[in-house]
Amino acid sequence: MQVLALDFDGVLCDSSREVFVVAVDTYTDLEPRSGLLEQLQTLREDAVAGGRGYRDAPIYGRFRDLLPLGNRAEDFGVSLRAIDGGCEIGDQAAYDAFYGELGEVWLDAFHRLFYERRGRLRDTDPEGWLRLHLPYPGLAEALRRHRERTRLAVATAKDSHSVHLLLVELGLDGVFDRELILDKDIGVEKTHHLQALHQRTGAEYPNITFVDDKVNHLVRVADLGVRPVLAGWGFNGDREHELARELGYDVAELSTLDEVLFKGE
């Protein structure tokens, strides 16, 4: 039996707009004296209004460039702190060093406030929150074509309530068996999700393909024996594509879903 597990943000859902909006709100709470806030708020308002101009702003470009180097919600704050301080971060080692300088108190506060802000936005303006998420063209159709021959799963750090709401919005409702939607309660690391998936499906690790948009997540799960695939359409760029290929991982694009994710079908 073949199992295909997919991360959510940056793989099943283009949540880049929502992530940026909530990150700016959280950063404003923690750094009210930052000289970056006026620019960030302008870009935030454009994103909320459905504009695309914010994507061309250098600040947003730098924010996107740093996203693949992080793992959890506090990393959105780390990226904004780096931009705020004019720090040049070109690789994982430099990012990790900067992350370590910030201290657990600030990191924990950003993590907590980010989820508070996200939950408040979702609950007080559900329609507005949903509009901040976009589908990836052709992905839902590809998954539906293969769901009879491959068990499909979600492995995400997102909460299950948000995941279920967004699956409906993205046209993915009913694609995944409920017991194979593994959310943040499973554990912090994606290895926890893949281990739970192995137990729930009975599939051997080499028969499980895991798709994530972050190379550092794929590196962690590769030791289990699963097949790692980088989602080339997610929060990454040429730097991550080259690294993934150097590590021997396939890189899938939306135009190559069938041949890369469903080999032999």
Protein backbone atom coordinates (compact mmCIF):
# COMPACT_ATOMS: atom_id res chain seq x y z
CA MET A 1 0.00 0.00 0.00
CA GLN A 2 1.30 3.43 -0.97
CA VAL A 3 0.69 6.42 1.32
CA LEU A 4 1.14 10.06 0.36
CA ALA A 5 1.39 12.50 3.26
CA LEU A 6 1.38 16.25 2.64
CA ASP A 7 2.18 19.22 4.82
CA PHE A 8 -0.53 21.89 4.83
CA ASP A 9 0.82 25.46 4.71
CA GLY A 10 2.85 25.92 1.56
CA VAL A 11 1.90 22.49 0.19
CA LEU A 12 -1.87 21.99 0.22
CA CYS A 13 -2.63 25.65 0.78
CA ASP A 14 -1.04 28.93 -0.25
CA SER A 15 -1.22 30.59 3.15
CA SER A 16 1.58 33.08 2.50
CA ARG A 17 -0.84 36.02 2.67
CA GLU A 18 -2.36 34.90 5.97
CA VAL A 19 1.02 34.11 7.51
CA PHE A 20 2.32 37.57 6.64
CA VAL A 21 -0.76 39.36 8.00
CA VAL A 22 -0.72 37.50 11.32
CA ALA A 23 3.07 37.82 11.63
CA VAL A 24 2.85 41.60 11.19
CA ASP A 25 0.08 41.84 13.79
CA THR A 26 2.11 39.77 16.24
CA TYR A 27 5.30 41.74 15.61
CA THR A 28 3.40 44.96 16.20
CA ASP A 29 2.33 43.64 19.61
CA LEU A 30 5.87 42.69 20.61
CA GLU A 31 7.85 45.50 18.98
CA PRO A 32 5.62 48.60 19.15
CA ARG A 33 8.60 50.96 18.78
CA SER A 34 10.01 49.30 15.68
CA GLY A 35 10.82 51.69 12.85
CA LEU A 36 9.64 49.02 10.42
CA LEU A 37 6.01 49.07 11.53
CA GLU A 38 4.73 51.81 9.23
CA GLN A 39 5.99 49.96 6.16
CA LEU A 40 4.76 46.63 7.46
CA GLN A 41 1.29 47.98 8.20
CA THR A 42 1.00 49.41 4.69
CA LEU A 43 1.90 46.06 3.18
CA ARG A 44 -0.44 44.27 5.58
CA GLU A 45 -3.40 46.39 4.53
CA ASP A 46 -2.70 45.66 0.88
CA ALA A 47 -2.58 41.92 1.62
CA VAL A 48 -5.85 42.00 3.57
CA ALA A 49 -7.56 43.92 0.78
CA GLY A 50 -6.60 41.23 -1.72
CA GLY A 51 -3.90 43.29 -3.41
CA ARG A 52 -0.71 41.91 -4.91
CA GLY A 53 1.52 44.96 -4.62
CA TYR A 54 2.86 43.86 -1.23
CA ARG A 55 4.48 40.86 -2.92
CA ASP A 56 6.77 43.17 -4.89
CA ALA A 57 7.99 45.03 -1.81
CA PRO A 58 11.63 44.30 -0.82
CA ILE A 59 10.58 43.70 2.80
CA TYR A 60 8.13 41.01 1.80
CA GLY A 61 10.65 39.46 -0.58
CA ARG A 62 13.16 39.19 2.24
CA PHE A 63 10.49 37.75 4.53
CA ARG A 64 9.65 35.06 1.95
CA ASP A 65 13.33 34.32 1.42
CA LEU A 66 13.84 33.59 5.12
CA LEU A 67 10.72 31.44 5.62
CA PRO A 68 12.29 28.16 4.41
CA LEU A 69 14.96 28.40 7.11
CA GLY A 70 12.45 28.28 9.99
CA ASN A 71 10.29 25.57 11.49
CA ARG A 72 7.62 27.00 13.77
CA ALA A 73 5.46 30.09 14.31
CA GLU A 74 8.16 32.03 16.15
CA ASP A 75 10.30 31.85 13.02
CA PHE A 76 8.02 34.39 11.36
CA GLY A 77 9.05 36.77 14.13
CA VAL A 78 12.71 35.83 13.75
CA SER A 79 12.50 36.75 10.07
CA LEU A 80 10.95 40.14 10.84
CA ARG A 81 13.55 40.83 13.55
CA ALA A 82 16.32 40.04 11.08
CA ILE A 83 14.83 42.40 8.50
CA ASP A 84 14.26 45.07 11.16
CA GLY A 85 17.88 44.86 12.24
CA GLY A 86 19.29 44.80 8.73
CA CYS A 87 20.88 41.39 9.34
CA GLU A 88 22.24 39.49 6.34
CA ILE A 89 21.26 35.83 6.64
CA GLY A 90 22.18 33.68 3.67
CA ASP A 91 22.04 30.11 4.93
CA GLN A 92 20.74 27.82 7.65
CA ALA A 93 23.78 28.19 9.91
CA ALA A 94 23.51 31.99 9.94
CA TYR A 95 19.78 31.78 10.58
CA ASP A 96 20.21 29.34 13.46
CA ALA A 97 22.86 31.58 15.03
CA PHE A 98 20.58 34.63 14.84
CA TYR A 99 17.66 32.60 16.20
CA GLY A 100 19.77 31.60 19.21
CA GLU A 101 20.59 35.23 20.01
CA LEU A 102 16.95 36.22 20.49
CA GLY A 103 16.35 34.21 23.64
CA GLU A 104 13.56 31.87 24.68
CA VAL A 105 11.41 34.54 26.34
CA TRP A 106 10.96 36.56 23.12
CA LEU A 107 10.61 33.46 20.95
CA ASP A 108 8.02 31.88 23.23
CA ALA A 109 6.07 35.13 23.43
CA PHE A 110 5.93 35.44 19.64
CA HIS A 111 4.86 31.80 19.28
CA ARG A 112 2.02 32.24 21.79
CA LEU A 113 0.84 35.59 20.46
CA PHE A 114 0.95 34.41 16.84
CA TYR A 115 -1.54 31.62 17.54
CA GLU A 116 -3.69 33.96 19.65
CA ARG A 117 -3.79 36.48 16.81
CA ARG A 118 -4.50 33.79 14.20
CA GLY A 119 -7.31 32.29 16.28
CA ARG A 120 -8.84 35.70 16.93
CA LEU A 121 -8.82 36.58 13.23
CA ARG A 122 -10.34 33.23 12.27
CA ASP A 123 -13.08 33.45 14.90
CA THR A 124 -14.02 37.13 14.58
CA ASP A 125 -13.79 37.41 10.78
CA PRO A 126 -14.02 33.86 9.39
CA GLU A 127 -14.80 34.99 5.83
CA GLY A 128 -11.93 37.45 5.81
CA TRP A 129 -9.60 34.82 7.25
CA LEU A 130 -10.60 32.27 4.61
CA ARG A 131 -10.00 34.80 1.83
CA LEU A 132 -6.36 35.05 2.89
CA HIS A 133 -5.84 31.42 1.80
CA LEU A 134 -5.58 30.33 -1.83
CA PRO A 135 -5.53 26.93 -3.56
CA TYR A 136 -2.61 25.78 -5.66
CA PRO A 137 -3.87 25.33 -9.25
CA GLY A 138 -4.47 21.71 -10.21
CA LEU A 139 -3.47 20.20 -6.88
CA ALA A 140 -6.94 19.23 -5.66
CA GLU A 141 -7.74 17.64 -9.03
CA ALA A 142 -4.52 15.61 -9.02
CA LEU A 143 -5.16 14.27 -5.53
CA ARG A 144 -8.72 13.29 -6.41
CA ARG A 145 -7.50 11.39 -9.48
CA HIS A 146 -5.27 9.18 -7.39
CA ARG A 147 -7.10 8.82 -4.08
CA GLU A 148 -8.56 5.41 -4.98
CA ARG A 149 -5.07 3.91 -5.39
CA THR A 150 -3.09 5.88 -2.81
CA ARG A 151 -4.00 6.65 0.79
CA LEU A 152 -3.74 10.38 1.30
CA ALA A 153 -2.82 12.04 4.59
CA VAL A 154 -2.17 15.48 6.06
CA ALA A 155 0.80 16.02 8.38
CA THR A 156 0.75 19.53 9.77
CA ALA A 157 1.60 21.74 12.74
CA LYS A 158 -1.75 23.53 12.17
CA ASP A 159 -4.77 22.90 14.41
CA SER A 160 -7.36 20.47 13.12
CA HIS A 161 -10.24 22.98 13.32
CA SER A 162 -8.48 25.35 10.91
CA VAL A 163 -7.44 22.47 8.66
CA HIS A 164 -10.99 21.18 8.26
CA LEU A 165 -12.35 24.66 7.52
CA LEU A 166 -9.70 25.25 4.89
CA LEU A 167 -10.01 21.83 3.24
CA VAL A 168 -13.62 22.72 2.43
CA GLU A 169 -12.61 26.16 1.16
CA LEU A 170 -9.87 24.68 -1.04
CA GLY A 171 -12.06 22.03 -2.64
CA LEU A 172 -10.31 19.23 -0.74
CA ASP A 173 -13.18 18.17 1.50
CA GLY A 174 -13.50 14.37 1.53
CA VAL A 175 -10.10 13.78 -0.09
CA PHE A 176 -8.49 12.74 3.22
CA ASP A 177 -9.81 10.19 5.70
CA ARG A 178 -10.45 11.99 8.98
CA GLU A 179 -8.13 9.66 10.93
CA LEU A 180 -5.30 10.54 8.54
CA ILE A 181 -5.49 14.28 9.15
CA LEU A 182 -2.66 14.58 11.67
CA ASP A 183 -2.45 18.02 13.28
CA LYS A 184 -0.29 19.82 15.85
CA ASP A 185 -1.57 17.63 18.68
CA ILE A 186 0.41 14.70 17.26
CA GLY A 187 3.71 16.35 18.14
CA VAL A 188 6.19 19.12 17.43
CA GLU A 189 8.32 17.31 14.83
CA LYS A 190 7.12 15.91 11.53
CA THR A 191 8.77 12.62 12.53
CA HIS A 192 5.98 12.30 15.11
CA HIS A 193 3.38 12.66 12.35
CA LEU A 194 5.07 10.09 10.11
CA GLN A 195 5.42 7.61 12.96
CA ALA A 196 1.73 8.01 13.78
CA LEU A 197 0.87 7.57 10.10
CA HIS A 198 2.93 4.38 9.96
CA GLN A 199 1.00 3.03 12.95
CA ARG A 200 -2.44 4.06 11.68
CA THR A 201 -2.05 2.73 8.15
CA GLY A 202 0.31 -0.20 8.68
CA ALA A 203 2.36 1.04 5.70
CA GLU A 204 6.09 0.45 5.82
CA TYR A 205 8.14 3.64 5.80
CA PRO A 206 9.58 3.11 2.28
CA ASN A 207 5.98 3.05 1.02
CA ILE A 208 5.26 6.49 2.49
CA THR A 209 6.00 9.62 0.48
CA PHE A 210 6.15 12.84 2.49
CA VAL A 211 5.79 16.20 0.74
CA ASP A 212 6.92 19.36 2.50
CA ASP A 213 8.03 22.76 1.30
CA LYS A 214 10.92 22.97 3.75
CA VAL A 215 14.12 20.99 3.25
CA ASN A 216 14.92 20.99 6.97
CA HIS A 217 11.67 19.11 7.63
CA LEU A 218 12.51 16.54 4.96
CA VAL A 219 15.98 15.98 6.39
CA ARG A 220 14.48 15.11 9.77
CA VAL A 221 12.03 12.51 8.45
CA ALA A 222 14.37 10.94 5.90
CA ASP A 223 16.05 8.86 8.61
CA LEU A 224 12.75 7.03 9.12
CA GLY A 225 13.07 5.63 5.61
CA VAL A 226 10.19 7.56 4.05
CA ARG A 227 10.56 9.07 0.58
CA PRO A 228 11.05 12.86 0.94
CA VAL A 229 9.76 15.19 -1.79
CA LEU A 230 10.13 18.96 -1.82
CA ALA A 231 7.04 20.91 -2.91
CA GLY A 232 8.62 23.33 -5.36
CA TRP A 233 5.56 25.58 -5.32
CA GLY A 234 5.72 26.33 -1.57
CA PHE A 235 7.77 28.56 0.72
CA ASN A 236 11.10 27.98 -1.00
CA GLY A 237 13.23 28.96 -3.96
CA ASP A 238 16.27 27.99 -6.00
CA ARG A 239 18.45 27.70 -2.89
CA GLU A 240 16.19 25.01 -1.41
CA HIS A 241 15.62 23.25 -4.74
CA GLU A 242 19.36 22.85 -5.25
CA LEU A 243 19.88 21.64 -1.69
CA ALA A 244 17.06 19.09 -1.99
CA ARG A 245 18.54 17.66 -5.18
CA GLU A 246 22.01 17.52 -3.59
CA LEU A 247 20.47 15.44 -0.80
CA GLY A 248 18.87 13.12 -3.34
CA TYR A 249 15.29 14.28 -2.82
CA ASP A 250 12.86 14.73 -5.69
CA VAL A 251 11.50 18.23 -6.29
CA ALA A 252 7.89 18.29 -7.47
CA GLU A 253 6.24 21.15 -9.32
CA LEU A 254 2.52 21.63 -9.92
CA SER A 255 3.15 20.65 -13.54
CA THR A 256 4.86 17.36 -12.57
CA LEU A 257 2.57 16.11 -9.79
CA ASP A 258 1.50 12.89 -11.51
CA GLU A 259 4.96 11.69 -12.51
CA VAL A 260 6.77 12.72 -9.30
CA LEU A 261 4.23 12.00 -6.57
CA PHE A 262 2.43 9.04 -8.12
CA LYS A 263 5.19 7.05 -9.78
CA GLY A 264 4.00 3.81 -11.31
CA GLU A 265 0.30 4.63 -11.25
